[in-house]
Structure formats: structure tokens, C-alpha cells
């Protein structure tokens, strides 16, 4: 085994998020945010469905999923992301 069982579990969770994007006819990209080996945020690409493309057209395709996972994690951790914007 190249990675630990925990790492495989976390990668699988990101793949499950990517499957949600694929089901919505989006580019299949998913992301999870992990703290202390626990998933605290999840997200997947929803650019077409939400008509919410990243402001920078040259952003990597995973950017949308990562941002949604981070926002989700902030909600779980009661962190106010607006202070950083």
C-alpha cells in the first residue's frame, strides 16, 4: 500500500464529491478539507449549475470545488471567512 488507509479514505471522499459534479454534467472535480484526520468541509464543481465561474478565467479547474469545500469547513468551524475577503 502506497498511502495509509486513512489517506485512501479521504481521497475516496473527494472522489465521491467529484461524482456529484459528474452527475450534474460538470467537470468531475471534488475536494475535502481535513483537520485532525476528520473531514470538516466538502465541495464539488458547480460552475455550470450555479453560473458561478471563478472571477479569474485562468484559475485551475479544481478552484471552484476547493472554494466550496473551504466555505463548508468554515461553517463547521464557525470561522467567519468574510474577514479575509
Protein backbone atom coordinates (compact mmCIF):
# COMPACT_ATOMS: atom_id res chain seq x y z
CA UNK A 1 0.00 0.00 0.00
CA UNK A 2 1.47 3.35 -1.05
CA UNK A 3 -0.69 5.52 1.20
CA UNK A 4 -2.23 4.90 4.59
CA UNK A 5 -5.77 3.57 4.83
CA UNK A 6 -6.82 6.97 6.19
CA UNK A 7 -5.39 8.75 3.15
CA UNK A 8 -7.27 6.41 0.82
CA UNK A 9 -10.47 7.10 2.77
CA UNK A 10 -10.02 10.84 2.38
CA UNK A 11 -9.21 10.56 -1.33
CA UNK A 12 -12.31 8.40 -1.78
CA UNK A 13 -14.41 11.11 -0.10
CA UNK A 14 -13.07 13.66 -2.62
CA UNK A 15 -13.92 11.26 -5.45
CA UNK A 16 -17.46 10.96 -4.12
CA UNK A 17 -17.75 14.74 -4.35
CA UNK A 18 -16.43 14.60 -7.92
CA UNK A 19 -19.14 12.05 -8.76
CA UNK A 20 -21.75 14.60 -7.67
CA UNK A 21 -20.30 17.05 -10.17
CA UNK A 22 -20.34 14.42 -12.90
CA UNK A 23 -24.00 13.66 -12.15
CA UNK A 24 -24.71 17.40 -12.64
CA UNK A 25 -22.88 17.34 -16.02
CA UNK A 26 -20.00 19.34 -14.57
CA UNK A 27 -16.29 18.68 -14.87
CA UNK A 28 -15.84 15.99 -12.18
CA UNK A 29 -13.76 17.74 -9.54
CA UNK A 30 -14.27 17.27 -5.81
CA UNK A 31 -12.45 18.43 -2.71
CA UNK A 32 -12.44 17.83 1.02
CA UNK A 33 -10.91 19.88 3.82
CA UNK A 34 -9.39 17.81 6.62
CA UNK A 35 -8.47 18.77 10.17
CA UNK A 36 -7.14 16.26 12.68
CA UNK A 37 -7.93 13.41 10.25
CA UNK A 38 -11.61 14.39 10.10
CA UNK A 39 -13.39 15.83 7.09
CA UNK A 40 -14.69 19.26 8.07
CA UNK A 41 -15.62 20.52 4.61
CA UNK A 42 -16.71 19.13 1.25
CA UNK A 43 -17.28 20.65 -2.14
CA UNK A 44 -17.57 19.87 -5.82
CA UNK A 45 -17.52 21.73 -9.10
CA UNK A 46 -20.82 23.56 -9.68
CA UNK A 47 -19.75 26.27 -12.13
CA UNK A 48 -22.39 25.49 -14.77
CA UNK A 49 -25.26 24.78 -12.40
CA UNK A 50 -24.74 27.90 -10.30
CA UNK A 51 -23.43 30.05 -13.17
CA UNK A 52 -20.67 30.91 -10.72
CA UNK A 53 -17.38 30.73 -12.59
CA UNK A 54 -14.30 31.90 -10.72
CA UNK A 55 -13.59 35.55 -11.43
CA UNK A 56 -10.23 34.65 -12.94
CA UNK A 57 -10.81 32.68 -16.15
CA UNK A 58 -7.30 31.26 -15.79
CA UNK A 59 -7.98 29.69 -12.39
CA UNK A 60 -7.40 25.93 -12.23
CA UNK A 61 -10.49 23.79 -12.79
CA UNK A 62 -10.34 22.50 -9.21
CA UNK A 63 -10.63 26.04 -7.84
CA UNK A 64 -14.45 26.03 -7.62
CA UNK A 65 -14.60 22.74 -5.72
CA UNK A 66 -11.83 23.80 -3.35
CA UNK A 67 -13.51 27.10 -2.55
CA UNK A 68 -16.81 25.37 -1.80
CA UNK A 69 -15.04 22.87 0.48
CA UNK A 70 -13.28 25.69 2.32
CA UNK A 71 -16.51 27.63 2.79
CA UNK A 72 -18.17 24.45 4.08
CA UNK A 73 -15.30 23.90 6.54
CA UNK A 74 -15.53 27.47 7.78
CA UNK A 75 -19.20 26.97 8.56
CA UNK A 76 -18.40 23.82 10.54
CA UNK A 77 -15.60 25.54 12.43
CA UNK A 78 -17.66 28.73 13.00
CA UNK A 79 -14.97 30.72 11.23
CA UNK A 80 -16.05 33.98 9.61
CA UNK A 81 -14.47 33.90 6.16
CA UNK A 82 -15.73 37.41 5.33
CA UNK A 83 -12.97 38.92 7.46
CA UNK A 84 -10.49 37.57 4.91
CA UNK A 85 -12.27 38.86 1.80
